[in-house]
C-alpha cells in the first residue's frame, strides 16, 4: 500500500527491491504491533488486529514484550479491529 509505505519517513521508493519467495520465507511474519504514541498492543491474525485487554492477558498467552514491532498509525489503521 503506497500510503502505508510513505507513512515511514525513511522509506524511499528508490530503495525497493524484488525478493524471491524462497528468501522471503526465511522471515517470520510480524504478529505483535503497537504505535509509538500508544501503549495498546495488538495481535495481527488474518488481516485483523486484536487488542490485548491487559499485560496479564499478553503474558499469559506466552508472548514476549521484545517481539512487539512499532508501526505507524497509518499502517495499524489498515487492519480491521476484531470484535
C-alpha atoms as a PDB file:
ATOM      1  CA  UNK A   1       0.000   0.000   0.000  1.00  0.00           C
ATOM      2  CA  UNK A   2       1.687   3.256  -1.103  1.00  0.00           C
ATOM      3  CA  UNK A   3       0.120   5.254   1.734  1.00  0.00           C
ATOM      4  CA  UNK A   4       1.483   2.868   4.375  1.00  0.00           C
ATOM      5  CA  UNK A   5       4.898   2.786   2.682  1.00  0.00           C
ATOM      6  CA  UNK A   6       5.049   6.583   2.696  1.00  0.00           C
ATOM      7  CA  UNK A   7       3.984   6.766   6.360  1.00  0.00           C
ATOM      8  CA  UNK A   8       7.504   5.634   7.322  1.00  0.00           C
ATOM      9  CA  UNK A   9       9.741   8.677   6.872  1.00  0.00           C
ATOM     10  CA  UNK A  10      12.892   6.692   5.989  1.00  0.00           C
ATOM     11  CA  UNK A  11      11.265   4.655   3.193  1.00  0.00           C
ATOM     12  CA  UNK A  12      12.290   5.587  -0.329  1.00  0.00           C
ATOM     13  CA  UNK A  13      10.823   4.105  -3.495  1.00  0.00           C
ATOM     14  CA  UNK A  14      14.322   4.004  -4.986  1.00  0.00           C
ATOM     15  CA  UNK A  15      15.351   1.529  -2.250  1.00  0.00           C
ATOM     16  CA  UNK A  16      12.654  -1.041  -3.086  1.00  0.00           C
ATOM     17  CA  UNK A  17      13.996  -4.364  -4.367  1.00  0.00           C
ATOM     18  CA  UNK A  18      12.409  -7.587  -5.541  1.00  0.00           C
ATOM     19  CA  UNK A  19      12.844 -10.510  -3.137  1.00  0.00           C
ATOM     20  CA  UNK A  20      12.378 -14.120  -4.172  1.00  0.00           C
ATOM     21  CA  UNK A  21       9.643 -16.058  -2.343  1.00  0.00           C
ATOM     22  CA  UNK A  22      12.158 -18.620  -1.077  1.00  0.00           C
ATOM     23  CA  UNK A  23      14.184 -15.806   0.530  1.00  0.00           C
ATOM     24  CA  UNK A  24      11.091 -14.159   1.945  1.00  0.00           C
ATOM     25  CA  UNK A  25      10.093 -17.471   3.541  1.00  0.00           C
ATOM     26  CA  UNK A  26      13.128 -17.141   5.863  1.00  0.00           C
ATOM     27  CA  UNK A  27      11.459 -14.262   7.700  1.00  0.00           C
ATOM     28  CA  UNK A  28       8.796 -14.618  10.376  1.00  0.00           C
ATOM     29  CA  UNK A  29       5.517 -12.763   9.998  1.00  0.00           C
ATOM     30  CA  UNK A  30       5.070  -9.949  12.481  1.00  0.00           C
ATOM     31  CA  UNK A  31       2.203 -10.752  14.836  1.00  0.00           C
ATOM     32  CA  UNK A  32       2.558  -8.200  17.650  1.00  0.00           C
ATOM     33  CA  UNK A  33       2.385  -4.476  16.942  1.00  0.00           C
ATOM     34  CA  UNK A  34       1.869  -1.116  18.607  1.00  0.00           C
ATOM     35  CA  UNK A  35       2.234   2.524  17.666  1.00  0.00           C
ATOM     36  CA  UNK A  36       4.731   4.967  19.133  1.00  0.00           C
ATOM     37  CA  UNK A  37       2.085   7.099  20.817  1.00  0.00           C
ATOM     38  CA  UNK A  38       0.021   4.349  22.429  1.00  0.00           C
ATOM     39  CA  UNK A  39       0.566   1.603  24.979  1.00  0.00           C
ATOM     40  CA  UNK A  40      -2.038  -0.619  23.261  1.00  0.00           C
ATOM     41  CA  UNK A  41      -0.590  -3.832  21.810  1.00  0.00           C
ATOM     42  CA  UNK A  42      -2.342  -5.781  19.055  1.00  0.00           C
ATOM     43  CA  UNK A  43      -2.143  -9.337  17.802  1.00  0.00           C
ATOM     44  CA  UNK A  44      -2.424  -9.487  13.996  1.00  0.00           C
ATOM     45  CA  UNK A  45      -4.280 -12.522  12.648  1.00  0.00           C
ATOM     46  CA  UNK A  46      -5.631 -12.815   9.115  1.00  0.00           C
ATOM     47  CA  UNK A  47      -5.731  -9.087   8.415  1.00  0.00           C
ATOM     48  CA  UNK A  48      -7.447  -8.322  11.731  1.00  0.00           C
ATOM     49  CA  UNK A  49      -5.962  -6.640  14.817  1.00  0.00           C
ATOM     50  CA  UNK A  50      -6.986  -7.911  18.230  1.00  0.00           C
ATOM     51  CA  UNK A  51      -6.098  -5.629  21.134  1.00  0.00           C
ATOM     52  CA  UNK A  52      -4.881  -7.188  24.353  1.00  0.00           C
ATOM     53  CA  UNK A  53      -7.010  -6.157  27.313  1.00  0.00           C
ATOM     54  CA  UNK A  54      -4.141  -6.278  29.818  1.00  0.00           C
ATOM     55  CA  UNK A  55      -0.466  -7.085  30.313  1.00  0.00           C
ATOM     56  CA  UNK A  56      -1.569 -10.208  32.166  1.00  0.00           C
ATOM     57  CA  UNK A  57      -3.516 -11.443  29.117  1.00  0.00           C
ATOM     58  CA  UNK A  58      -0.495 -10.732  26.892  1.00  0.00           C
ATOM     59  CA  UNK A  59       1.948 -12.589  29.152  1.00  0.00           C
ATOM     60  CA  UNK A  60      -0.380 -15.487  29.966  1.00  0.00           C
ATOM     61  CA  UNK A  61      -0.564 -16.270  26.242  1.00  0.00           C
ATOM     62  CA  UNK A  62       3.219 -16.684  26.193  1.00  0.00           C
ATOM     63  CA  UNK A  63       4.052 -13.540  24.217  1.00  0.00           C
ATOM     64  CA  UNK A  64       7.272 -11.594  24.783  1.00  0.00           C
ATOM     65  CA  UNK A  65       7.418  -7.815  25.045  1.00  0.00           C
ATOM     66  CA  UNK A  66      10.582  -7.870  22.938  1.00  0.00           C
ATOM     67  CA  UNK A  67       8.614  -9.311  19.983  1.00  0.00           C
ATOM     68  CA  UNK A  68       6.447  -6.198  19.555  1.00  0.00           C
ATOM     69  CA  UNK A  69       7.120  -4.170  16.411  1.00  0.00           C
ATOM     70  CA  UNK A  70       6.323  -0.461  16.371  1.00  0.00           C
ATOM     71  CA  UNK A  71       4.287   0.528  13.305  1.00  0.00           C
ATOM     72  CA  UNK A  72       2.871   3.815  12.077  1.00  0.00           C
ATOM     73  CA  UNK A  73      -0.712   4.710  12.936  1.00  0.00           C
ATOM     74  CA  UNK A  74      -1.444   4.754   9.194  1.00  0.00           C
ATOM     75  CA  UNK A  75      -0.205   1.166   8.945  1.00  0.00           C
ATOM     76  CA  UNK A  76      -2.161  -0.008  12.002  1.00  0.00           C
ATOM     77  CA  UNK A  77      -5.329   1.594  10.640  1.00  0.00           C
ATOM     78  CA  UNK A  78      -5.236  -0.709   7.585  1.00  0.00           C
ATOM     79  CA  UNK A  79      -6.260  -3.626   9.825  1.00  0.00           C
ATOM     80  CA  UNK A  80      -9.843  -4.152  10.946  1.00  0.00           C
ATOM     81  CA  UNK A  81     -10.344  -4.401  14.701  1.00  0.00           C
ATOM     82  CA  UNK A  82     -11.629  -7.753  15.990  1.00  0.00           C
ATOM     83  CA  UNK A  83     -14.981  -7.641  17.691  1.00  0.00           C
END
